[in-house]
Amino acid sequence: MTSMDSPLLLVHICGGILGVLSGFTALLARKGSTLHRRSGDLFVVSMLLMAAGGGAVAVIKAQRANILAAFFTAYLVTTAWLATGRRSTRAVHGFVLLLIALAVGVTAFLFGMQGGREQPLFFGFSAIALLSASGDIRVLASRSTTRAQRLVRHLWRMCFALFVATGSFFLGMASDPVLRRSGLRARLFTPEVRQTHLPELPVLAVVVLMIFWLIRVRFTSAYRTTARLETRPEGAPIR
């Protein structure tokens, strides 16, 4: 670790830990409550810090996959946060974020075409980023969206970003043996702890909770209203 990237790595780690804690708080809190909104806002800020610090370190170390992951994570939490705002706010920023998703998707696809051990990872990034971009196009082209549609967009993007942060902290990257042998993660999750599979439980919890909330929002009548985004005051929460 160089003196240049040590502070950046600290920002990345602190942002990630705070993001995991605030993300789980928002996921478990009553939706629409003050705790849910405040922890969600903290999650967005924390994840942006994590992405900024990790992305800067990845640039220094020429880690292409981590650079794309940083951009995509920042994109996910920002678009998820904007999903609860007014249409005017969404339209102003949505086009720029759409370009980021397209850039990540196309770049990841080109990297994947080069082959190598990270080829499946790049193709996975490309597929998810391009699918996300297609969702952005539909939202930008639509004149109105239902409450359930906005919540589904908000939920899966926030949860996927939390999944990335949780997986990175508790599991790490199998392709990075150095980080698995040293640092905070290696001290917390020794080989003996990993053999118990306990570090995998928080990651699975994110997936299970995400599926639960998506099913509840998408296939029940609890959130089926058709109010337009424009009729909601600026900054007002979705209840």
Protein backbone atom coordinates (compact mmCIF):
# COMPACT_ATOMS: atom_id res chain seq x y z
CA MET A 1 0.00 0.00 0.00
CA THR A 2 1.45 3.37 -0.99
CA SER A 3 1.19 6.65 0.90
CA MET A 4 -0.98 7.93 -1.96
CA ASP A 5 -3.73 5.37 -1.74
CA SER A 6 -3.79 4.78 2.07
CA PRO A 7 -6.20 7.69 2.84
CA LEU A 8 -8.31 6.72 -0.16
CA LEU A 9 -8.50 3.14 1.04
CA LEU A 10 -9.52 4.37 4.50
CA VAL A 11 -12.37 6.39 2.93
CA HIS A 12 -13.40 3.30 0.98
CA ILE A 13 -13.42 1.05 4.06
CA CYS A 14 -15.18 3.52 6.37
CA GLY A 15 -17.76 4.33 3.70
CA GLY A 16 -18.38 0.64 3.10
CA ILE A 17 -18.82 -0.23 6.78
CA LEU A 18 -21.15 2.71 7.36
CA GLY A 19 -23.02 1.80 4.18
CA VAL A 20 -23.60 -1.78 5.33
CA LEU A 21 -24.86 -0.65 8.75
CA SER A 22 -27.13 2.08 7.41
CA GLY A 23 -28.29 -0.11 4.53
CA PHE A 24 -29.47 -2.90 6.81
CA THR A 25 -31.13 -0.33 9.08
CA ALA A 26 -33.07 1.11 6.14
CA LEU A 27 -33.97 -2.36 4.90
CA LEU A 28 -35.33 -3.49 8.27
CA ALA A 29 -36.96 -0.22 9.37
CA ARG A 30 -40.63 0.52 8.73
CA LYS A 31 -40.90 1.90 5.21
CA GLY A 32 -41.69 5.61 5.12
CA SER A 33 -40.62 6.13 8.75
CA THR A 34 -38.13 8.78 9.79
CA LEU A 35 -35.59 6.07 10.62
CA HIS A 36 -36.00 4.58 7.16
CA ARG A 37 -35.53 7.91 5.40
CA ARG A 38 -32.57 9.06 7.50
CA SER A 39 -30.75 5.74 7.30
CA GLY A 40 -31.46 5.62 3.56
CA ASP A 41 -29.94 9.06 3.06
CA LEU A 42 -26.90 8.02 5.11
CA PHE A 43 -26.63 4.86 3.02
CA VAL A 44 -26.51 6.88 -0.21
CA VAL A 45 -23.80 9.21 1.09
CA SER A 46 -21.78 6.31 2.54
CA MET A 47 -21.95 4.32 -0.68
CA LEU A 48 -20.86 7.32 -2.73
CA LEU A 49 -17.85 7.73 -0.43
CA MET A 50 -17.10 4.03 -0.68
CA ALA A 51 -17.30 4.16 -4.47
CA ALA A 52 -15.17 7.31 -4.68
CA GLY A 53 -12.43 5.93 -2.44
CA GLY A 54 -12.45 2.48 -4.00
CA GLY A 55 -12.58 3.88 -7.52
CA ALA A 56 -9.61 6.16 -6.88
CA VAL A 57 -7.56 3.27 -5.50
CA ALA A 58 -8.59 1.13 -8.47
CA VAL A 59 -7.40 3.83 -10.89
CA ILE A 60 -4.02 3.99 -9.13
CA LYS A 61 -3.66 0.21 -9.25
CA ALA A 62 -5.16 -0.11 -12.76
CA GLN A 63 -7.91 -2.48 -11.59
CA ARG A 64 -10.41 -2.26 -14.42
CA ALA A 65 -13.16 -4.31 -12.78
CA ASN A 66 -13.08 -2.24 -9.59
CA ILE A 67 -13.19 1.01 -11.56
CA LEU A 68 -16.37 -0.14 -13.29
CA ALA A 69 -17.79 -1.40 -9.99
CA ALA A 70 -17.23 2.02 -8.39
CA PHE A 71 -19.01 3.88 -11.20
CA PHE A 72 -21.87 1.38 -11.29
CA THR A 73 -22.38 1.38 -7.52
CA ALA A 74 -22.53 5.19 -7.47
CA TYR A 75 -24.97 5.07 -10.38
CA LEU A 76 -27.23 2.56 -8.62
CA VAL A 77 -27.61 4.44 -5.34
CA THR A 78 -28.06 7.79 -7.10
CA THR A 79 -30.79 6.55 -9.44
CA ALA A 80 -32.47 4.70 -6.55
CA TRP A 81 -32.51 7.93 -4.53
CA LEU A 82 -33.84 9.92 -7.48
CA ALA A 83 -36.65 7.40 -7.92
CA THR A 84 -38.34 8.89 -4.86
CA GLY A 85 -38.11 12.47 -6.15
CA ARG A 86 -40.14 14.58 -8.53
CA ARG A 87 -40.19 13.93 -12.26
CA SER A 88 -38.43 17.23 -12.93
CA THR A 89 -35.52 16.24 -10.69
CA ARG A 90 -35.42 12.79 -12.26
CA ALA A 91 -35.40 14.15 -15.81
CA VAL A 92 -32.63 16.68 -15.18
CA HIS A 93 -30.20 14.15 -13.74
CA GLY A 94 -31.51 10.97 -15.31
CA PHE A 95 -30.00 11.54 -18.73
CA VAL A 96 -26.47 11.95 -17.34
CA LEU A 97 -26.85 8.84 -15.22
CA LEU A 98 -28.19 6.96 -18.23
CA LEU A 99 -24.98 7.80 -20.08
CA ILE A 100 -22.95 6.44 -17.15
CA ALA A 101 -24.87 3.15 -17.23
CA LEU A 102 -24.39 2.86 -20.99
CA ALA A 103 -20.68 3.64 -20.68
CA VAL A 104 -20.22 1.00 -17.96
CA GLY A 105 -22.20 -1.56 -19.94
CA VAL A 106 -20.37 -1.04 -23.22
CA THR A 107 -16.93 -0.80 -21.58
CA ALA A 108 -17.49 -3.95 -19.54
CA PHE A 109 -18.60 -5.78 -22.68
CA LEU A 110 -15.47 -4.70 -24.56
CA PHE A 111 -13.27 -5.79 -21.64
CA GLY A 112 -15.07 -9.13 -21.58
CA MET A 113 -14.42 -9.63 -25.28
CA GLN A 114 -10.70 -9.48 -24.50
CA GLY A 115 -10.99 -12.71 -22.54
CA GLY A 116 -9.10 -13.52 -19.35
CA ARG A 117 -10.17 -14.83 -15.96
CA GLU A 118 -12.38 -11.79 -15.32
CA GLN A 119 -14.39 -12.32 -18.52
CA PRO A 120 -17.55 -13.63 -16.74
CA LEU A 121 -17.41 -10.70 -14.30
CA PHE A 122 -17.20 -8.17 -17.12
CA PHE A 123 -20.06 -9.75 -19.05
CA GLY A 124 -22.14 -9.79 -15.87
CA PHE A 125 -21.42 -6.10 -15.30
CA SER A 126 -22.32 -5.37 -18.89
CA ALA A 127 -25.64 -7.21 -18.76
CA ILE A 128 -26.80 -5.59 -15.51
CA ALA A 129 -25.65 -2.11 -16.55
CA LEU A 130 -27.36 -2.30 -19.94
CA LEU A 131 -30.57 -3.63 -18.40
CA SER A 132 -30.45 -0.77 -15.92
CA ALA A 133 -29.97 1.68 -18.78
CA SER A 134 -33.01 0.26 -20.55
CA GLY A 135 -35.02 0.88 -17.39
CA ASP A 136 -33.76 4.47 -17.33
CA ILE A 137 -34.89 4.96 -20.91
CA ARG A 138 -38.38 3.70 -20.09
CA VAL A 139 -38.64 6.00 -17.08
CA LEU A 140 -37.39 9.05 -18.97
CA ALA A 141 -39.78 8.36 -21.85
CA SER A 142 -42.84 7.80 -19.65
CA ARG A 143 -45.11 10.69 -18.70
CA SER A 144 -46.05 9.16 -15.37
CA THR A 145 -45.19 6.18 -13.19
CA THR A 146 -47.12 4.35 -10.51
CA ARG A 147 -46.09 4.24 -6.91
CA ALA A 148 -45.29 0.54 -7.19
CA GLN A 149 -43.07 1.12 -10.23
CA ARG A 150 -41.10 3.79 -8.43
CA LEU A 151 -40.71 1.60 -5.36
CA VAL A 152 -39.54 -1.41 -7.37
CA ARG A 153 -36.93 0.78 -9.07
CA HIS A 154 -35.88 2.22 -5.72
CA LEU A 155 -35.77 -1.15 -3.95
CA TRP A 156 -33.81 -3.29 -6.35
CA ARG A 157 -31.16 -0.65 -6.99
CA MET A 158 -30.64 0.13 -3.32
CA CYS A 159 -30.60 -3.56 -2.43
CA PHE A 160 -28.20 -4.47 -5.22
CA ALA A 161 -25.81 -1.74 -4.06
CA LEU A 162 -26.11 -3.09 -0.50
CA PHE A 163 -25.47 -6.59 -1.86
CA VAL A 164 -22.23 -5.35 -3.47
CA ALA A 165 -21.07 -3.65 -0.27
CA THR A 166 -22.04 -6.59 1.95
CA GLY A 167 -20.44 -9.15 -0.33
CA SER A 168 -17.26 -7.08 -0.59
CA PHE A 169 -16.94 -6.70 3.18
CA PHE A 170 -17.93 -10.18 4.36
CA LEU A 171 -16.67 -12.30 1.47
CA GLY A 172 -14.12 -10.27 -0.43
CA MET A 173 -12.94 -11.21 -3.89
CA ALA A 174 -11.65 -14.73 -4.39
CA SER A 175 -9.42 -13.41 -7.17
CA ASP A 176 -7.59 -11.08 -4.77
CA PRO A 177 -5.56 -13.37 -2.46
CA VAL A 178 -3.60 -10.46 -0.96
CA LEU A 179 -6.64 -8.77 0.56
CA ARG A 180 -7.92 -12.14 1.77
CA ARG A 181 -4.68 -12.66 3.77
CA SER A 182 -4.18 -9.18 5.20
CA GLY A 183 -6.13 -6.19 6.42
CA LEU A 184 -9.37 -5.81 8.36
CA ARG A 185 -11.35 -8.44 6.49
CA ALA A 186 -8.71 -11.13 6.99
CA ARG A 187 -8.44 -10.36 10.73
CA LEU A 188 -12.21 -10.51 11.22
CA PHE A 189 -12.92 -13.47 8.96
CA THR A 190 -10.11 -15.94 9.48
CA PRO A 191 -10.06 -19.27 7.60
CA GLU A 192 -11.65 -20.88 10.65
CA VAL A 193 -14.52 -18.36 10.65
CA ARG A 194 -14.99 -18.75 6.90
CA GLN A 195 -15.35 -22.51 7.30
CA THR A 196 -18.46 -21.91 9.43
CA HIS A 197 -20.06 -20.03 6.50
CA LEU A 198 -21.22 -17.32 8.91
CA PRO A 199 -19.85 -14.48 6.73
CA GLU A 200 -22.18 -15.65 3.97
CA LEU A 201 -25.34 -15.11 6.04
CA PRO A 202 -25.52 -11.27 5.78
CA VAL A 203 -25.09 -11.52 2.01
CA LEU A 204 -27.90 -14.06 1.75
CA ALA A 205 -30.04 -11.91 4.04
CA VAL A 206 -29.82 -9.00 1.60
CA VAL A 207 -30.97 -11.24 -1.25
CA VAL A 208 -33.86 -12.74 0.75
CA LEU A 209 -35.07 -9.35 2.00
CA MET A 210 -34.81 -7.83 -1.46
CA ILE A 211 -36.91 -10.64 -2.95
CA PHE A 212 -39.45 -10.31 -0.13
CA TRP A 213 -39.94 -6.58 -0.63
CA LEU A 214 -40.01 -6.80 -4.42
CA ILE A 215 -42.71 -9.47 -4.27
CA ARG A 216 -44.72 -7.47 -1.74
CA VAL A 217 -44.52 -4.28 -3.79
CA ARG A 218 -44.99 -5.87 -7.20
CA PHE A 219 -47.60 -8.55 -6.53
CA THR A 220 -49.72 -7.22 -3.66
CA SER A 221 -52.13 -4.31 -3.53
CA ALA A 222 -50.30 -2.53 -0.70
CA TYR A 223 -48.52 -0.08 -3.01
CA ARG A 224 -50.74 -0.04 -6.08
CA THR A 225 -51.57 3.60 -6.59
CA THR A 226 -51.23 5.61 -9.74
CA ALA A 227 -50.34 9.03 -8.41
CA ARG A 228 -48.07 10.96 -10.74
CA LEU A 229 -44.66 12.00 -9.59
CA GLU A 230 -45.46 15.63 -10.40
CA THR A 231 -48.23 15.78 -7.79
CA ARG A 232 -45.89 14.98 -4.90
CA PRO A 233 -44.08 17.92 -3.22
CA GLU A 234 -40.33 18.18 -3.66
CA GLY A 235 -38.50 15.92 -1.22
CA ALA A 236 -41.65 14.34 0.18
CA PRO A 237 -41.18 10.63 1.02
CA ILE A 238 -43.09 7.81 -0.64
CA ARG A 239 -45.36 6.33 2.03
